[in-house]
All heavy atoms as atom14 arrays in JSON, in Angstrom:
{
  "sequence": "PDNVIAKAPRWLSTDLRDGNQSLVSPMTPERKLAMFELLVDIGYKE",
  "atom14_mask": [
    [1, 1, 1, 1, 1, 1, 1, 0, 0, 0, 0, 0, 0, 0],
    [1, 1, 1, 1, 1, 1, 1, 1, 0, 0, 0, 0, 0, 0],
    [1, 1, 1, 1, 1, 1, 1, 1, 0, 0, 0, 0, 0, 0],
    [1, 1, 1, 1, 1, 1, 1, 0, 0, 0, 0, 0, 0, 0],
    [1, 1, 1, 1, 1, 1, 1, 1, 0, 0, 0, 0, 0, 0],
    [1, 1, 1, 1, 1, 0, 0, 0, 0, 0, 0, 0, 0, 0],
    [1, 1, 1, 1, 1, 1, 1, 1, 1, 0, 0, 0, 0, 0],
    [1, 1, 1, 1, 1, 0, 0, 0, 0, 0, 0, 0, 0, 0],
    [1, 1, 1, 1, 1, 1, 1, 0, 0, 0, 0, 0, 0, 0],
    [1, 1, 1, 1, 1, 1, 1, 1, 1, 1, 1, 0, 0, 0],
    [1, 1, 1, 1, 1, 1, 1, 1, 1, 1, 1, 1, 1, 1],
    [1, 1, 1, 1, 1, 1, 1, 1, 0, 0, 0, 0, 0, 0],
    [1, 1, 1, 1, 1, 1, 0, 0, 0, 0, 0, 0, 0, 0],
    [1, 1, 1, 1, 1, 1, 1, 0, 0, 0, 0, 0, 0, 0],
    [1, 1, 1, 1, 1, 1, 1, 1, 0, 0, 0, 0, 0, 0],
    [1, 1, 1, 1, 1, 1, 1, 1, 0, 0, 0, 0, 0, 0],
    [1, 1, 1, 1, 1, 1, 1, 1, 1, 1, 1, 0, 0, 0],
    [1, 1, 1, 1, 1, 1, 1, 1, 0, 0, 0, 0, 0, 0],
    [1, 1, 1, 1, 0, 0, 0, 0, 0, 0, 0, 0, 0, 0],
    [1, 1, 1, 1, 1, 1, 1, 1, 0, 0, 0, 0, 0, 0],
    [1, 1, 1, 1, 1, 1, 1, 1, 1, 0, 0, 0, 0, 0],
    [1, 1, 1, 1, 1, 1, 0, 0, 0, 0, 0, 0, 0, 0],
    [1, 1, 1, 1, 1, 1, 1, 1, 0, 0, 0, 0, 0, 0],
    [1, 1, 1, 1, 1, 1, 1, 0, 0, 0, 0, 0, 0, 0],
    [1, 1, 1, 1, 1, 1, 0, 0, 0, 0, 0, 0, 0, 0],
    [1, 1, 1, 1, 1, 1, 1, 0, 0, 0, 0, 0, 0, 0],
    [1, 1, 1, 1, 1, 1, 1, 1, 0, 0, 0, 0, 0, 0],
    [1, 1, 1, 1, 1, 1, 1, 0, 0, 0, 0, 0, 0, 0],
    [1, 1, 1, 1, 1, 1, 1, 0, 0, 0, 0, 0, 0, 0],
    [1, 1, 1, 1, 1, 1, 1, 1, 1, 0, 0, 0, 0, 0],
    [1, 1, 1, 1, 1, 1, 1, 1, 1, 1, 1, 0, 0, 0],
    [1, 1, 1, 1, 1, 1, 1, 1, 1, 0, 0, 0, 0, 0],
    [1, 1, 1, 1, 1, 1, 1, 1, 0, 0, 0, 0, 0, 0],
    [1, 1, 1, 1, 1, 0, 0, 0, 0, 0, 0, 0, 0, 0],
    [1, 1, 1, 1, 1, 1, 1, 1, 0, 0, 0, 0, 0, 0],
    [1, 1, 1, 1, 1, 1, 1, 1, 1, 1, 1, 0, 0, 0],
    [1, 1, 1, 1, 1, 1, 1, 1, 1, 0, 0, 0, 0, 0],
    [1, 1, 1, 1, 1, 1, 1, 1, 0, 0, 0, 0, 0, 0],
    [1, 1, 1, 1, 1, 1, 1, 1, 0, 0, 0, 0, 0, 0],
    [1, 1, 1, 1, 1, 1, 1, 0, 0, 0, 0, 0, 0, 0],
    [1, 1, 1, 1, 1, 1, 1, 1, 0, 0, 0, 0, 0, 0],
    [1, 1, 1, 1, 1, 1, 1, 1, 0, 0, 0, 0, 0, 0],
    [1, 1, 1, 1, 0, 0, 0, 0, 0, 0, 0, 0, 0, 0],
    [1, 1, 1, 1, 1, 1, 1, 1, 1, 1, 1, 1, 0, 0],
    [1, 1, 1, 1, 1, 1, 1, 1, 1, 0, 0, 0, 0, 0],
    [1, 1, 1, 1, 1, 1, 1, 1, 1, 0, 0, 0, 0, 0]
  ],
  "atom14_positions": [
    [[-20.08, -19.3, 2.02], [-19.32, -20.45, 1.47], [-19.67, -20.79, 0.01], [-18.88, -21.44, -0.64], [-19.78, -21.62, 2.42], [-20.14, -20.95, 3.7], [-20.82, -19.68, 3.26], [0.0, 0.0, 0.0], [0.0, 0.0, 0.0], [0.0, 0.0, 0.0], [0.0, 0.0, 0.0], [0.0, 0.0, 0.0], [0.0, 0.0, 0.0], [0.0, 0.0, 0.0]],
    [[-20.85, -20.33, -0.47], [-21.23, -20.62, -1.82], [-20.83, -19.52, -2.79], [-21.07, -19.65, -4.03], [-22.75, -20.83, -1.91], [-23.19, -22.05, -1.13], [-22.42, -23.05, -1.11], [-24.29, -22.02, -0.57], [0.0, 0.0, 0.0], [0.0, 0.0, 0.0], [0.0, 0.0, 0.0], [0.0, 0.0, 0.0], [0.0, 0.0, 0.0], [0.0, 0.0, 0.0]],
    [[-20.25, -18.45, -2.29], [-19.92, -17.29, -3.14], [-18.56, -17.49, -3.79], [-17.67, -18.21, -3.24], [-19.95, -16.0, -2.37], [-21.36, -15.64, -1.95], [-22.32, -16.06, -2.56], [-21.49, -14.88, -0.87], [0.0, 0.0, 0.0], [0.0, 0.0, 0.0], [0.0, 0.0, 0.0], [0.0, 0.0, 0.0], [0.0, 0.0, 0.0], [0.0, 0.0, 0.0]],
    [[-18.34, -16.85, -4.92], [-17.09, -16.89, -5.66], [-16.63, -15.45, -5.88], [-17.47, -14.6, -6.23], [-17.22, -17.62, -7.0], [-15.95, -17.54, -7.8], [-17.61, -19.09, -6.78], [0.0, 0.0, 0.0], [0.0, 0.0, 0.0], [0.0, 0.0, 0.0], [0.0, 0.0, 0.0], [0.0, 0.0, 0.0], [0.0, 0.0, 0.0], [0.0, 0.0, 0.0]],
    [[-15.38, -15.14, -5.68], [-14.86, -13.81, -5.97], [-14.7, -13.62, -7.47], [-13.85, -14.24, -8.08], [-13.53, -13.6, -5.23], [-13.67, -13.84, -3.75], [-13.04, -12.17, -5.47], [-12.37, -13.74, -2.96], [0.0, 0.0, 0.0], [0.0, 0.0, 0.0], [0.0, 0.0, 0.0], [0.0, 0.0, 0.0], [0.0, 0.0, 0.0], [0.0, 0.0, 0.0]],
    [[-15.53, -12.78, -8.05], [-15.52, -12.61, -9.49], [-14.91, -11.26, -9.91], [-14.68, -11.07, -11.1], [-16.94, -12.67, -10.03], [0.0, 0.0, 0.0], [0.0, 0.0, 0.0], [0.0, 0.0, 0.0], [0.0, 0.0, 0.0], [0.0, 0.0, 0.0], [0.0, 0.0, 0.0], [0.0, 0.0, 0.0], [0.0, 0.0, 0.0], [0.0, 0.0, 0.0]],
    [[-14.65, -10.37, -8.97], [-13.99, -9.1, -9.3], [-13.15, -8.69, -8.13], [-13.38, -9.1, -6.97], [-15.01, -8.04, -9.64], [-15.91, -7.6, -8.49], [-16.84, -6.45, -8.93], [-17.63, -5.96, -7.72], [-18.49, -4.81, -8.09], [0.0, 0.0, 0.0], [0.0, 0.0, 0.0], [0.0, 0.0, 0.0], [0.0, 0.0, 0.0], [0.0, 0.0, 0.0]],
    [[-12.19, -7.84, -8.38], [-11.28, -7.38, -7.34], [-12.0, -6.38, -6.4], [-12.8, -5.57, -6.87], [-10.05, -6.72, -7.96], [0.0, 0.0, 0.0], [0.0, 0.0, 0.0], [0.0, 0.0, 0.0], [0.0, 0.0, 0.0], [0.0, 0.0, 0.0], [0.0, 0.0, 0.0], [0.0, 0.0, 0.0], [0.0, 0.0, 0.0], [0.0, 0.0, 0.0]],
    [[-11.69, -6.42, -5.13], [-12.22, -5.39, -4.26], [-11.48, -4.09, -4.45], [-10.51, -4.02, -5.19], [-11.92, -5.96, -2.83], [-10.68, -6.77, -3.05], [-10.8, -7.37, -4.45], [0.0, 0.0, 0.0], [0.0, 0.0, 0.0], [0.0, 0.0, 0.0], [0.0, 0.0, 0.0], [0.0, 0.0, 0.0], [0.0, 0.0, 0.0], [0.0, 0.0, 0.0]],
    [[-11.97, -3.05, -3.8], [-11.13, -1.82, -3.75], [-9.99, -2.09, -2.82], [-10.1, -2.76, -1.8], [-11.98, -0.67, -3.18], [-13.03, -0.15, -4.12], [-14.04, 0.78, -3.41], [-13.45, 1.88, -2.66], [-14.13, 2.81, -2.01], [-15.49, 2.76, -2.01], [-13.54, 3.77, -1.35], [0.0, 0.0, 0.0], [0.0, 0.0, 0.0], [0.0, 0.0, 0.0]],
    [[-8.8, -1.59, -3.24], [-7.62, -1.84, -2.44], [-7.2, -0.5, -1.76], [-7.25, 0.55, -2.4], [-6.44, -2.3, -3.28], [-6.65, -3.51, -4.13], [-6.72, -3.55, -5.47], [-6.78, -4.85, -3.66], [-6.91, -4.82, -5.93], [-6.94, -5.66, -4.85], [-6.78, -5.46, -2.44], [-7.11, -7.05, -4.8], [-6.94, -6.85, -2.38], [-7.11, -7.61, -3.53]],
    [[-6.75, -0.56, -0.55], [-6.08, 0.59, 0.1], [-4.73, 0.07, 0.6], [-4.7, -0.9, 1.41], [-6.84, 1.21, 1.25], [-6.08, 2.3, 1.97], [-6.87, 3.56, 2.07], [-5.54, 1.86, 3.32], [0.0, 0.0, 0.0], [0.0, 0.0, 0.0], [0.0, 0.0, 0.0], [0.0, 0.0, 0.0], [0.0, 0.0, 0.0], [0.0, 0.0, 0.0]],
    [[-3.68, 0.7, 0.13], [-2.32, 0.38, 0.68], [-2.08, 1.19, 1.91], [-2.21, 2.45, 1.92], [-1.26, 0.72, -0.36], [0.02, 0.84, 0.27], [0.0, 0.0, 0.0], [0.0, 0.0, 0.0], [0.0, 0.0, 0.0], [0.0, 0.0, 0.0], [0.0, 0.0, 0.0], [0.0, 0.0, 0.0], [0.0, 0.0, 0.0], [0.0, 0.0, 0.0]],
    [[-1.72, 0.51, 2.99], [-1.35, 1.2, 4.23], [0.13, 1.05, 4.54], [0.55, 1.15, 5.68], [-2.21, 0.72, 5.4], [-2.01, 1.52, 6.55], [-1.98, -0.75, 5.69], [0.0, 0.0, 0.0], [0.0, 0.0, 0.0], [0.0, 0.0, 0.0], [0.0, 0.0, 0.0], [0.0, 0.0, 0.0], [0.0, 0.0, 0.0], [0.0, 0.0, 0.0]],
    [[0.93, 0.85, 3.48], [2.39, 0.73, 3.6], [3.0, 1.93, 4.26], [3.96, 1.82, 5.06], [3.06, 0.5, 2.28], [2.75, -0.87, 1.71], [1.72, -1.0, 0.99], [3.54, -1.79, 1.92], [0.0, 0.0, 0.0], [0.0, 0.0, 0.0], [0.0, 0.0, 0.0], [0.0, 0.0, 0.0], [0.0, 0.0, 0.0], [0.0, 0.0, 0.0]],
    [[2.51, 3.15, 3.93], [3.1, 4.36, 4.43], [2.61, 4.75, 5.81], [3.17, 5.72, 6.44], [2.84, 5.51, 3.45], [3.56, 5.41, 2.1], [2.99, 6.31, 1.06], [5.05, 5.71, 2.33], [0.0, 0.0, 0.0], [0.0, 0.0, 0.0], [0.0, 0.0, 0.0], [0.0, 0.0, 0.0], [0.0, 0.0, 0.0], [0.0, 0.0, 0.0]],
    [[1.63, 4.06, 6.34], [1.12, 4.35, 7.69], [1.35, 3.14, 8.6], [2.3, 3.06, 9.36], [-0.35, 4.78, 7.66], [-0.79, 5.49, 8.94], [-1.22, 4.55, 10.0], [-2.28, 3.68, 9.59], [-2.7, 2.63, 10.3], [-2.11, 2.29, 11.42], [-3.68, 1.85, 9.85], [0.0, 0.0, 0.0], [0.0, 0.0, 0.0], [0.0, 0.0, 0.0]],
    [[0.51, 2.13, 8.44], [0.63, 0.95, 9.31], [1.95, 0.21, 9.05], [2.62, -0.24, 9.99], [-0.53, 0.0, 8.99], [-0.78, -0.99, 10.12], [0.05, -1.11, 11.01], [-1.89, -1.61, 10.15], [0.0, 0.0, 0.0], [0.0, 0.0, 0.0], [0.0, 0.0, 0.0], [0.0, 0.0, 0.0], [0.0, 0.0, 0.0], [0.0, 0.0, 0.0]],
    [[2.33, 0.1, 7.76], [3.62, -0.53, 7.49], [4.78, 0.25, 8.02], [5.7, -0.31, 8.63], [0.0, 0.0, 0.0], [0.0, 0.0, 0.0], [0.0, 0.0, 0.0], [0.0, 0.0, 0.0], [0.0, 0.0, 0.0], [0.0, 0.0, 0.0], [0.0, 0.0, 0.0], [0.0, 0.0, 0.0], [0.0, 0.0, 0.0], [0.0, 0.0, 0.0]],
    [[4.77, 1.53, 7.85], [5.9, 2.38, 8.25], [6.06, 2.41, 9.77], [7.19, 2.39, 10.29], [5.71, 3.81, 7.7], [6.92, 4.68, 7.99], [8.05, 4.34, 7.72], [6.65, 5.85, 8.59], [0.0, 0.0, 0.0], [0.0, 0.0, 0.0], [0.0, 0.0, 0.0], [0.0, 0.0, 0.0], [0.0, 0.0, 0.0], [0.0, 0.0, 0.0]],
    [[4.93, 2.47, 10.5], [5.05, 2.57, 11.95], [5.6, 1.29, 12.57], [5.98, 1.29, 13.76], [3.69, 2.86, 12.55], [2.71, 1.74, 12.61], [1.36, 2.13, 13.18], [0.87, 3.24, 12.97], [0.72, 1.22, 13.88], [0.0, 0.0, 0.0], [0.0, 0.0, 0.0], [0.0, 0.0, 0.0], [0.0, 0.0, 0.0], [0.0, 0.0, 0.0]],
    [[5.61, 0.17, 11.8], [6.09, -1.09, 12.36], [7.62, -1.29, 12.13], [8.16, -2.3, 12.56], [5.33, -2.25, 11.72], [5.68, -2.4, 10.31], [0.0, 0.0, 0.0], [0.0, 0.0, 0.0], [0.0, 0.0, 0.0], [0.0, 0.0, 0.0], [0.0, 0.0, 0.0], [0.0, 0.0, 0.0], [0.0, 0.0, 0.0], [0.0, 0.0, 0.0]],
    [[8.24, -0.36, 11.42], [9.67, -0.57, 11.06], [10.57, -0.14, 12.17], [10.32, 0.84, 12.94], [10.02, 0.27, 9.83], [9.21, -0.05, 8.55], [9.6, 0.89, 7.43], [9.43, -1.51, 8.13], [0.0, 0.0, 0.0], [0.0, 0.0, 0.0], [0.0, 0.0, 0.0], [0.0, 0.0, 0.0], [0.0, 0.0, 0.0], [0.0, 0.0, 0.0]],
    [[11.66, -0.89, 12.35], [12.68, -0.51, 13.33], [13.21, 0.86, 13.02], [13.36, 1.73, 13.92], [13.82, -1.54, 13.38], [14.94, -1.09, 14.3], [13.27, -2.91, 13.73], [0.0, 0.0, 0.0], [0.0, 0.0, 0.0], [0.0, 0.0, 0.0], [0.0, 0.0, 0.0], [0.0, 0.0, 0.0], [0.0, 0.0, 0.0], [0.0, 0.0, 0.0]],
    [[13.48, 1.12, 11.77], [13.92, 2.47, 11.28], [12.85, 2.97, 10.31], [12.88, 2.57, 9.14], [15.26, 2.38, 10.62], [16.25, 1.94, 11.5], [0.0, 0.0, 0.0], [0.0, 0.0, 0.0], [0.0, 0.0, 0.0], [0.0, 0.0, 0.0], [0.0, 0.0, 0.0], [0.0, 0.0, 0.0], [0.0, 0.0, 0.0], [0.0, 0.0, 0.0]],
    [[11.9, 3.82, 10.76], [10.87, 4.28, 9.86], [11.49, 4.92, 8.62], [12.63, 5.42, 8.62], [10.14, 5.31, 10.72], [10.32, 4.84, 12.13], [11.73, 4.28, 12.14], [0.0, 0.0, 0.0], [0.0, 0.0, 0.0], [0.0, 0.0, 0.0], [0.0, 0.0, 0.0], [0.0, 0.0, 0.0], [0.0, 0.0, 0.0], [0.0, 0.0, 0.0]],
    [[10.72, 4.98, 7.54], [11.22, 5.48, 6.28], [11.61, 6.95, 6.34], [10.94, 7.76, 7.01], [10.12, 5.32, 5.21], [9.68, 3.9, 4.91], [8.44, 3.92, 3.57], [7.55, 2.41, 3.98], [0.0, 0.0, 0.0], [0.0, 0.0, 0.0], [0.0, 0.0, 0.0], [0.0, 0.0, 0.0], [0.0, 0.0, 0.0], [0.0, 0.0, 0.0]],
    [[12.67, 7.24, 5.66], [13.05, 8.63, 5.44], [12.09, 9.25, 4.4], [11.38, 8.51, 3.7], [14.49, 8.73, 4.87], [14.51, 8.04, 3.59], [15.5, 8.07, 5.84], [0.0, 0.0, 0.0], [0.0, 0.0, 0.0], [0.0, 0.0, 0.0], [0.0, 0.0, 0.0], [0.0, 0.0, 0.0], [0.0, 0.0, 0.0], [0.0, 0.0, 0.0]],
    [[12.06, 10.58, 4.3], [11.19, 11.17, 3.27], [11.44, 10.62, 1.88], [10.51, 10.44, 1.08], [11.52, 12.67, 3.39], [11.93, 12.85, 4.8], [12.67, 11.61, 5.15], [0.0, 0.0, 0.0], [0.0, 0.0, 0.0], [0.0, 0.0, 0.0], [0.0, 0.0, 0.0], [0.0, 0.0, 0.0], [0.0, 0.0, 0.0], [0.0, 0.0, 0.0]],
    [[12.72, 10.37, 1.58], [13.09, 9.82, 0.24], [12.51, 8.43, 0.07], [11.96, 8.1, -1.04], [14.6, 9.79, 0.07], [15.23, 11.16, 0.01], [15.38, 11.81, 1.38], [15.28, 11.1, 2.42], [15.58, 13.06, 1.43], [0.0, 0.0, 0.0], [0.0, 0.0, 0.0], [0.0, 0.0, 0.0], [0.0, 0.0, 0.0], [0.0, 0.0, 0.0]],
    [[12.6, 7.6, 1.08], [12.03, 6.23, 0.97], [10.53, 6.29, 0.91], [9.88, 5.5, 0.18], [12.53, 5.41, 2.12], [14.03, 5.02, 2.02], [14.61, 4.68, 3.38], [13.93, 3.57, 4.04], [14.09, 3.3, 5.34], [14.8, 4.09, 6.11], [13.48, 2.3, 5.89], [0.0, 0.0, 0.0], [0.0, 0.0, 0.0], [0.0, 0.0, 0.0]],
    [[9.89, 7.18, 1.67], [8.45, 7.31, 1.57], [8.0, 7.69, 0.2], [7.03, 7.15, -0.32], [7.96, 8.37, 2.6], [7.93, 7.93, 4.04], [7.32, 9.02, 4.9], [7.28, 8.62, 6.34], [6.75, 9.69, 7.19], [0.0, 0.0, 0.0], [0.0, 0.0, 0.0], [0.0, 0.0, 0.0], [0.0, 0.0, 0.0], [0.0, 0.0, 0.0]],
    [[8.7, 8.64, -0.4], [8.34, 9.08, -1.73], [8.51, 7.96, -2.75], [7.67, 7.75, -3.65], [9.18, 10.29, -2.19], [8.83, 10.89, -3.52], [7.36, 11.31, -3.6], [9.75, 12.06, -3.83], [0.0, 0.0, 0.0], [0.0, 0.0, 0.0], [0.0, 0.0, 0.0], [0.0, 0.0, 0.0], [0.0, 0.0, 0.0], [0.0, 0.0, 0.0]],
    [[9.61, 7.17, -2.6], [9.79, 6.05, -3.52], [8.65, 5.03, -3.38], [8.18, 4.47, -4.37], [11.16, 5.39, -3.2], [0.0, 0.0, 0.0], [0.0, 0.0, 0.0], [0.0, 0.0, 0.0], [0.0, 0.0, 0.0], [0.0, 0.0, 0.0], [0.0, 0.0, 0.0], [0.0, 0.0, 0.0], [0.0, 0.0, 0.0], [0.0, 0.0, 0.0]],
    [[8.22, 4.76, -2.13], [7.08, 3.86, -1.92], [5.81, 4.39, -2.51], [5.07, 3.71, -3.2], [6.92, 3.57, -0.42], [5.77, 2.65, -0.11], [6.0, 0.94, -0.66], [7.03, 0.29, 0.66], [0.0, 0.0, 0.0], [0.0, 0.0, 0.0], [0.0, 0.0, 0.0], [0.0, 0.0, 0.0], [0.0, 0.0, 0.0], [0.0, 0.0, 0.0]],
    [[5.55, 5.69, -2.27], [4.34, 6.32, -2.77], [4.3, 6.23, -4.3], [3.3, 5.88, -4.93], [4.25, 7.77, -2.34], [3.02, 8.47, -2.82], [1.79, 8.29, -2.21], [3.12, 9.36, -3.92], [0.66, 8.98, -2.68], [1.98, 10.02, -4.39], [0.75, 9.83, -3.77], [0.0, 0.0, 0.0], [0.0, 0.0, 0.0], [0.0, 0.0, 0.0]],
    [[5.38, 6.53, -4.97], [5.48, 6.54, -6.41], [5.31, 5.13, -6.94], [4.7, 4.9, -8.02], [6.78, 7.14, -6.88], [6.82, 8.68, -6.62], [8.12, 9.32, -7.06], [9.11, 8.59, -7.21], [8.15, 10.55, -7.28], [0.0, 0.0, 0.0], [0.0, 0.0, 0.0], [0.0, 0.0, 0.0], [0.0, 0.0, 0.0], [0.0, 0.0, 0.0]],
    [[5.84, 4.13, -6.24], [5.65, 2.73, -6.66], [4.18, 2.37, -6.6], [3.61, 1.78, -7.52], [6.46, 1.8, -5.76], [6.17, 0.28, -5.97], [6.72, -0.16, -7.33], [6.74, -0.56, -4.86], [0.0, 0.0, 0.0], [0.0, 0.0, 0.0], [0.0, 0.0, 0.0], [0.0, 0.0, 0.0], [0.0, 0.0, 0.0], [0.0, 0.0, 0.0]],
    [[3.52, 2.71, -5.5], [2.1, 2.39, -5.31], [1.27, 3.02, -6.4], [0.35, 2.39, -6.96], [1.62, 2.83, -3.91], [2.26, 2.08, -2.74], [1.95, 2.81, -1.44], [1.8, 0.67, -2.69], [0.0, 0.0, 0.0], [0.0, 0.0, 0.0], [0.0, 0.0, 0.0], [0.0, 0.0, 0.0], [0.0, 0.0, 0.0], [0.0, 0.0, 0.0]],
    [[1.57, 4.27, -6.73], [0.8, 4.94, -7.78], [1.08, 4.28, -9.12], [0.16, 4.06, -9.93], [1.21, 6.44, -7.81], [0.71, 7.13, -9.06], [0.68, 7.17, -6.57], [0.0, 0.0, 0.0], [0.0, 0.0, 0.0], [0.0, 0.0, 0.0], [0.0, 0.0, 0.0], [0.0, 0.0, 0.0], [0.0, 0.0, 0.0], [0.0, 0.0, 0.0]],
    [[2.36, 3.98, -9.38], [2.75, 3.45, -10.68], [2.07, 2.12, -10.96], [1.73, 1.84, -12.12], [4.25, 3.32, -10.72], [4.76, 2.9, -12.06], [4.38, 3.54, -13.07], [5.54, 1.96, -12.16], [0.0, 0.0, 0.0], [0.0, 0.0, 0.0], [0.0, 0.0, 0.0], [0.0, 0.0, 0.0], [0.0, 0.0, 0.0], [0.0, 0.0, 0.0]],
    [[1.92, 1.27, -9.96], [1.38, -0.07, -10.23], [-0.13, -0.12, -10.11], [-0.72, -1.17, -10.39], [2.02, -1.15, -9.32], [1.75, -0.91, -7.84], [3.51, -1.25, -9.59], [2.33, -1.95, -6.9], [0.0, 0.0, 0.0], [0.0, 0.0, 0.0], [0.0, 0.0, 0.0], [0.0, 0.0, 0.0], [0.0, 0.0, 0.0], [0.0, 0.0, 0.0]],
    [[-0.73, 1.04, -9.73], [-2.18, 1.12, -9.89], [-3.02, 1.29, -8.63], [-4.26, 1.2, -8.73], [0.0, 0.0, 0.0], [0.0, 0.0, 0.0], [0.0, 0.0, 0.0], [0.0, 0.0, 0.0], [0.0, 0.0, 0.0], [0.0, 0.0, 0.0], [0.0, 0.0, 0.0], [0.0, 0.0, 0.0], [0.0, 0.0, 0.0], [0.0, 0.0, 0.0]],
    [[-2.48, 1.48, -7.46], [-3.29, 1.68, -6.27], [-3.92, 3.07, -6.33], [-3.26, 4.04, -6.55], [-2.48, 1.51, -4.99], [-2.19, 0.03, -4.75], [-0.97, -0.52, -5.06], [-3.18, -0.82, -4.24], [-0.72, -1.88, -4.87], [-2.93, -2.2, -4.03], [-1.68, -2.68, -4.37], [-1.47, -4.03, -4.17], [0.0, 0.0, 0.0], [0.0, 0.0, 0.0]],
    [[-5.26, 3.11, -6.09], [-6.01, 4.34, -6.16], [-6.32, 4.92, -4.81], [-6.78, 6.07, -4.72], [-7.33, 4.1, -6.91], [-7.15, 3.51, -8.3], [-6.22, 4.3, -9.19], [-6.07, 3.73, -10.58], [-5.07, 4.44, -11.4], [0.0, 0.0, 0.0], [0.0, 0.0, 0.0], [0.0, 0.0, 0.0], [0.0, 0.0, 0.0], [0.0, 0.0, 0.0]],
    [[-6.16, 4.16, -3.74], [-6.37, 4.61, -2.37], [-5.15, 4.29, -1.56], [-4.74, 3.13, -1.49], [-7.59, 3.94, -1.75], [-8.87, 4.27, -2.53], [-10.1, 3.55, -1.91], [-10.36, 3.83, -0.71], [-10.76, 2.8, -2.6], [0.0, 0.0, 0.0], [0.0, 0.0, 0.0], [0.0, 0.0, 0.0], [0.0, 0.0, 0.0], [0.0, 0.0, 0.0]]
  ]
}
């Protein structure tokens, strides 16, 4: 309770796994690639 977040944690995006498996219509390869490229472009490293 006395701590303050002073730096960002490591982030892992699970949009292509946990997110994708929850979709009524899972992503096509084209949509997966678009998501992957977005994640890379905005800075996710994992």
